[in-house]
Amino acid sequence: MYKPTHLQKWIEQINYSGELFLDYYVASWRFFRCSPVERSNHDFIKEHLQDSGFAPGQVVFPTWTDEVMGFRYGVLVRQDFEKGLRMADMYARRIAAKGSLDPEGELRADQKSIRHSWQVCGLQARIELCKDAGISIFAARRENFPIQHAPKLYAAMSEVHYGG
């Protein structure tokens, strides 16, 4: 049986009231509020494990609440699913070495977050964002994200480095 070197076994979680996954390793988990890198890595692992041909119960995707971070999302692999454990262990090793599994996914996650932030912030905040991006403050009047100014706004608001 395969024993992962870069994964942790499931431990009981704060405010989690569901099934205990004592025979599972944590392939990935992320918080509701996390960086684009963490969101992208989680989505990458989840997508690839969903395509791994697992039997029911070998890979699970629990969600639970946490007092500090809101929701948590997990990807767990049962210890008897060798193929899934090898995949998840390989991804964990790559994250430890390089930090990222999917740089393009990071950019997509970051851009989605920026567009959402634009829509939920008020006019004064959008004016400040336009100033930071070096674009006309009149773009701030738009409720929808001003796509024609996307590169400058992404660069001003991003958690991910954008080349120019």
C-alpha atoms as a PDB file:
ATOM      1  CA  MET A   1       0.000   0.000   0.000  1.00  0.00           C
ATOM      2  CA  TYR A   2       1.304   3.480  -0.943  1.00  0.00           C
ATOM      3  CA  LYS A   3       2.244   5.795   1.941  1.00  0.00           C
ATOM      4  CA  PRO A   4       2.250   9.484   0.921  1.00  0.00           C
ATOM      5  CA  THR A   5       5.162  11.625   2.068  1.00  0.00           C
ATOM      6  CA  HIS A   6       3.717  15.100   1.399  1.00  0.00           C
ATOM      7  CA  LEU A   7       0.112  14.632   2.560  1.00  0.00           C
ATOM      8  CA  GLN A   8      -1.385  14.760   6.034  1.00  0.00           C
ATOM      9  CA  LYS A   9      -4.000  12.397   7.414  1.00  0.00           C
ATOM     10  CA  TRP A  10      -7.418  13.907   8.089  1.00  0.00           C
ATOM     11  CA  ILE A  11      -7.829  15.287  11.601  1.00  0.00           C
ATOM     12  CA  GLU A  12     -11.060  16.437  13.209  1.00  0.00           C
ATOM     13  CA  GLN A  13     -11.870  19.992  12.145  1.00  0.00           C
ATOM     14  CA  ILE A  14     -13.215  22.905  14.177  1.00  0.00           C
ATOM     15  CA  ASN A  15     -16.987  23.342  13.708  1.00  0.00           C
ATOM     16  CA  TYR A  16     -17.182  20.295  11.468  1.00  0.00           C
ATOM     17  CA  SER A  17     -20.131  18.081  12.325  1.00  0.00           C
ATOM     18  CA  GLY A  18     -20.081  15.617   9.440  1.00  0.00           C
ATOM     19  CA  GLU A  19     -18.499  12.247   8.889  1.00  0.00           C
ATOM     20  CA  LEU A  20     -15.036  11.628  10.307  1.00  0.00           C
ATOM     21  CA  PHE A  21     -12.625  10.703   7.542  1.00  0.00           C
ATOM     22  CA  LEU A  22     -10.090   8.792   9.619  1.00  0.00           C
ATOM     23  CA  ASP A  23      -8.971   6.622   6.667  1.00  0.00           C
ATOM     24  CA  TYR A  24      -8.335   9.636   4.401  1.00  0.00           C
ATOM     25  CA  TYR A  25      -5.458  11.900   3.477  1.00  0.00           C
ATOM     26  CA  VAL A  26      -5.989  15.590   2.737  1.00  0.00           C
ATOM     27  CA  ALA A  27      -5.125  16.176  -0.914  1.00  0.00           C
ATOM     28  CA  SER A  28      -6.174  19.810  -0.692  1.00  0.00           C
ATOM     29  CA  TRP A  29      -8.209  22.201   1.330  1.00  0.00           C
ATOM     30  CA  ARG A  30      -8.848  25.839   0.946  1.00  0.00           C
ATOM     31  CA  PHE A  31     -10.587  28.582   2.842  1.00  0.00           C
ATOM     32  CA  PHE A  32     -13.435  30.735   1.576  1.00  0.00           C
ATOM     33  CA  ARG A  33     -11.092  33.721   1.569  1.00  0.00           C
ATOM     34  CA  CYS A  34      -7.789  32.588   0.150  1.00  0.00           C
ATOM     35  CA  SER A  35      -5.301  33.700  -2.456  1.00  0.00           C
ATOM     36  CA  PRO A  36      -5.699  33.064  -6.188  1.00  0.00           C
ATOM     37  CA  VAL A  37      -2.796  30.610  -5.944  1.00  0.00           C
ATOM     38  CA  GLU A  38      -4.568  28.569  -3.268  1.00  0.00           C
ATOM     39  CA  ARG A  39      -7.887  28.640  -5.179  1.00  0.00           C
ATOM     40  CA  SER A  40      -6.178  27.636  -8.402  1.00  0.00           C
ATOM     41  CA  ASN A  41      -4.185  24.799  -6.793  1.00  0.00           C
ATOM     42  CA  HIS A  42      -7.306  23.471  -5.055  1.00  0.00           C
ATOM     43  CA  ASP A  43      -9.358  23.555  -8.256  1.00  0.00           C
ATOM     44  CA  PHE A  44      -6.548  21.854 -10.202  1.00  0.00           C
ATOM     45  CA  ILE A  45      -6.251  19.007  -7.676  1.00  0.00           C
ATOM     46  CA  LYS A  46     -10.018  18.594  -7.416  1.00  0.00           C
ATOM     47  CA  GLU A  47     -10.469  18.493 -11.194  1.00  0.00           C
ATOM     48  CA  HIS A  48      -7.681  15.959 -11.745  1.00  0.00           C
ATOM     49  CA  LEU A  49      -8.793  13.678  -8.924  1.00  0.00           C
ATOM     50  CA  GLN A  50     -12.373  13.801 -10.247  1.00  0.00           C
ATOM     51  CA  ASP A  51     -10.981  12.400 -13.509  1.00  0.00           C
ATOM     52  CA  SER A  52      -8.905   9.683 -11.809  1.00  0.00           C
ATOM     53  CA  GLY A  53     -11.474   6.899 -12.045  1.00  0.00           C
ATOM     54  CA  PHE A  54     -12.100   6.500  -8.334  1.00  0.00           C
ATOM     55  CA  ALA A  55     -14.775   4.233  -6.882  1.00  0.00           C
ATOM     56  CA  PRO A  56     -17.491   5.763  -4.667  1.00  0.00           C
ATOM     57  CA  GLY A  57     -16.002   6.942  -1.390  1.00  0.00           C
ATOM     58  CA  GLN A  58     -12.365   6.827  -2.488  1.00  0.00           C
ATOM     59  CA  VAL A  59     -12.264  10.600  -3.094  1.00  0.00           C
ATOM     60  CA  VAL A  60     -14.590  12.954  -1.212  1.00  0.00           C
ATOM     61  CA  PHE A  61     -15.142  16.716  -1.257  1.00  0.00           C
ATOM     62  CA  PRO A  62     -16.403  17.854   2.170  1.00  0.00           C
ATOM     63  CA  THR A  63     -17.344  21.446   2.960  1.00  0.00           C
ATOM     64  CA  TRP A  64     -17.610  22.840   6.464  1.00  0.00           C
ATOM     65  CA  THR A  65     -17.693  26.152   8.319  1.00  0.00           C
ATOM     66  CA  ASP A  66     -14.900  27.660  10.306  1.00  0.00           C
ATOM     67  CA  GLU A  67     -15.221  30.512  12.829  1.00  0.00           C
ATOM     68  CA  VAL A  68     -12.344  32.453  11.319  1.00  0.00           C
ATOM     69  CA  MET A  69     -12.346  31.812   7.583  1.00  0.00           C
ATOM     70  CA  GLY A  70     -15.996  31.111   6.792  1.00  0.00           C
ATOM     71  CA  PHE A  71     -16.205  28.026   4.627  1.00  0.00           C
ATOM     72  CA  ARG A  72     -13.513  25.423   4.063  1.00  0.00           C
ATOM     73  CA  TYR A  73     -13.456  23.130   1.078  1.00  0.00           C
ATOM     74  CA  GLY A  74     -11.609  19.847   1.076  1.00  0.00           C
ATOM     75  CA  VAL A  75     -10.435  17.130  -1.257  1.00  0.00           C
ATOM     76  CA  LEU A  76      -9.759  13.885   0.588  1.00  0.00           C
ATOM     77  CA  VAL A  77      -8.367  10.614  -0.730  1.00  0.00           C
ATOM     78  CA  ARG A  78      -8.984   7.325   1.058  1.00  0.00           C
ATOM     79  CA  GLN A  79      -5.822   5.437   1.980  1.00  0.00           C
ATOM     80  CA  ASP A  80      -6.732   2.412  -0.160  1.00  0.00           C
ATOM     81  CA  PHE A  81      -6.910   4.453  -3.406  1.00  0.00           C
ATOM     82  CA  GLU A  82      -3.274   4.174  -4.454  1.00  0.00           C
ATOM     83  CA  LYS A  83      -3.580   5.989  -7.793  1.00  0.00           C
ATOM     84  CA  GLY A  84      -5.280   8.977  -6.157  1.00  0.00           C
ATOM     85  CA  LEU A  85      -2.768   9.098  -3.308  1.00  0.00           C
ATOM     86  CA  ARG A  86       0.148   9.054  -5.739  1.00  0.00           C
ATOM     87  CA  MET A  87      -1.427  11.877  -7.757  1.00  0.00           C
ATOM     88  CA  ALA A  88      -2.203  13.990  -4.692  1.00  0.00           C
ATOM     89  CA  ASP A  89       1.251  13.380  -3.221  1.00  0.00           C
ATOM     90  CA  MET A  90       2.870  14.415  -6.502  1.00  0.00           C
ATOM     91  CA  TYR A  91       0.801  17.641  -6.549  1.00  0.00           C
ATOM     92  CA  ALA A  92       1.686  18.402  -2.927  1.00  0.00           C
ATOM     93  CA  ARG A  93       5.385  17.880  -3.713  1.00  0.00           C
ATOM     94  CA  ARG A  94       5.119  20.227  -6.702  1.00  0.00           C
ATOM     95  CA  ILE A  95       3.344  22.896  -4.641  1.00  0.00           C
ATOM     96  CA  ALA A  96       6.078  22.661  -1.992  1.00  0.00           C
ATOM     97  CA  ALA A  97       8.774  23.057  -4.651  1.00  0.00           C
ATOM     98  CA  LYS A  98       7.168  25.579  -7.021  1.00  0.00           C
ATOM     99  CA  GLY A  99       4.160  27.012  -5.189  1.00  0.00           C
ATOM    100  CA  SER A 100       1.808  26.627  -8.121  1.00  0.00           C
ATOM    101  CA  LEU A 101       0.208  23.915 -10.211  1.00  0.00           C
ATOM    102  CA  ASP A 102      -1.560  26.106 -12.761  1.00  0.00           C
ATOM    103  CA  PRO A 103      -0.286  29.696 -13.250  1.00  0.00           C
ATOM    104  CA  GLU A 104      -2.968  30.394 -15.870  1.00  0.00           C
ATOM    105  CA  GLY A 105      -5.614  29.227 -13.405  1.00  0.00           C
ATOM    106  CA  GLU A 106      -4.190  31.663 -10.853  1.00  0.00           C
ATOM    107  CA  LEU A 107      -4.610  34.534 -13.277  1.00  0.00           C
ATOM    108  CA  ARG A 108      -8.205  33.503 -14.044  1.00  0.00           C
ATOM    109  CA  ALA A 109      -9.036  33.232 -10.331  1.00  0.00           C
ATOM    110  CA  ASP A 110      -7.402  36.588  -9.636  1.00  0.00           C
ATOM    111  CA  GLN A 111      -9.234  38.310 -12.486  1.00  0.00           C
ATOM    112  CA  LYS A 112     -12.564  36.857 -11.365  1.00  0.00           C
ATOM    113  CA  SER A 113     -11.923  38.145  -7.844  1.00  0.00           C
ATOM    114  CA  ILE A 114     -11.039  41.610  -9.166  1.00  0.00           C
ATOM    115  CA  ARG A 115     -14.191  41.798 -11.294  1.00  0.00           C
ATOM    116  CA  HIS A 116     -16.280  40.757  -8.288  1.00  0.00           C
ATOM    117  CA  SER A 117     -14.562  43.340  -6.063  1.00  0.00           C
ATOM    118  CA  TRP A 118     -15.337  46.031  -8.635  1.00  0.00           C
ATOM    119  CA  GLN A 119     -19.025  45.143  -8.609  1.00  0.00           C
ATOM    120  CA  VAL A 120     -19.425  45.121  -4.827  1.00  0.00           C
ATOM    121  CA  CYS A 121     -17.405  48.207  -3.901  1.00  0.00           C
ATOM    122  CA  GLY A 122     -18.884  51.683  -3.819  1.00  0.00           C
ATOM    123  CA  LEU A 123     -18.252  54.593  -6.159  1.00  0.00           C
ATOM    124  CA  GLN A 124     -15.602  56.212  -3.947  1.00  0.00           C
ATOM    125  CA  ALA A 125     -13.622  52.972  -3.749  1.00  0.00           C
ATOM    126  CA  ARG A 126     -13.835  52.531  -7.532  1.00  0.00           C
ATOM    127  CA  ILE A 127     -12.578  56.102  -8.013  1.00  0.00           C
ATOM    128  CA  GLU A 128      -9.546  55.264  -5.863  1.00  0.00           C
ATOM    129  CA  LEU A 129      -8.982  52.079  -7.849  1.00  0.00           C
ATOM    130  CA  CYS A 130      -9.074  54.057 -11.100  1.00  0.00           C
ATOM    131  CA  LYS A 131      -6.554  56.543  -9.702  1.00  0.00           C
ATOM    132  CA  ASP A 132      -4.257  53.674  -8.628  1.00  0.00           C
ATOM    133  CA  ALA A 133      -4.547  52.146 -12.101  1.00  0.00           C
ATOM    134  CA  GLY A 134      -3.823  55.452 -13.850  1.00  0.00           C
ATOM    135  CA  ILE A 135      -7.114  55.567 -15.749  1.00  0.00           C
ATOM    136  CA  SER A 136      -9.879  58.152 -15.905  1.00  0.00           C
ATOM    137  CA  ILE A 137     -11.938  58.309 -12.736  1.00  0.00           C
ATOM    138  CA  PHE A 138     -15.040  58.503 -14.931  1.00  0.00           C
ATOM    139  CA  ALA A 139     -14.681  54.760 -15.519  1.00  0.00           C
ATOM    140  CA  ALA A 140     -15.675  54.364 -11.858  1.00  0.00           C
ATOM    141  CA  ARG A 141     -19.274  55.278 -12.702  1.00  0.00           C
ATOM    142  CA  ARG A 142     -19.725  51.955 -14.471  1.00  0.00           C
ATOM    143  CA  GLU A 143     -21.378  49.227 -12.405  1.00  0.00           C
ATOM    144  CA  ASN A 144     -19.953  46.558 -14.691  1.00  0.00           C
ATOM    145  CA  PHE A 145     -16.224  46.020 -14.768  1.00  0.00           C
ATOM    146  CA  PRO A 146     -14.722  48.292 -17.467  1.00  0.00           C
ATOM    147  CA  ILE A 147     -13.145  45.584 -19.593  1.00  0.00           C
ATOM    148  CA  GLN A 148     -11.362  48.095 -21.846  1.00  0.00           C
ATOM    149  CA  HIS A 149      -9.243  49.063 -18.807  1.00  0.00           C
ATOM    150  CA  ALA A 150      -8.791  45.498 -17.590  1.00  0.00           C
ATOM    151  CA  PRO A 151      -4.970  45.234 -17.889  1.00  0.00           C
ATOM    152  CA  LYS A 152      -4.357  48.385 -15.843  1.00  0.00           C
ATOM    153  CA  LEU A 153      -7.001  47.533 -13.247  1.00  0.00           C
ATOM    154  CA  TYR A 154      -5.767  43.965 -12.960  1.00  0.00           C
ATOM    155  CA  ALA A 155      -2.226  45.226 -12.412  1.00  0.00           C
ATOM    156  CA  ALA A 156      -3.358  47.754  -9.769  1.00  0.00           C
ATOM    157  CA  MET A 157      -5.624  45.364  -7.860  1.00  0.00           C
ATOM    158  CA  SER A 158      -3.910  42.018  -8.360  1.00  0.00           C
ATOM    159  CA  GLU A 159      -2.469  39.596  -5.818  1.00  0.00           C
ATOM    160  CA  VAL A 160      -0.659  37.909  -8.728  1.00  0.00           C
ATOM    161  CA  HIS A 161       2.169  39.533 -10.684  1.00  0.00           C
ATOM    162  CA  TYR A 162       1.098  40.610 -14.159  1.00  0.00           C
ATOM    163  CA  GLY A 163       3.774  41.096 -16.792  1.00  0.00           C
ATOM    164  CA  GLY A 164       3.399  44.149 -18.954  1.00  0.00           C
END
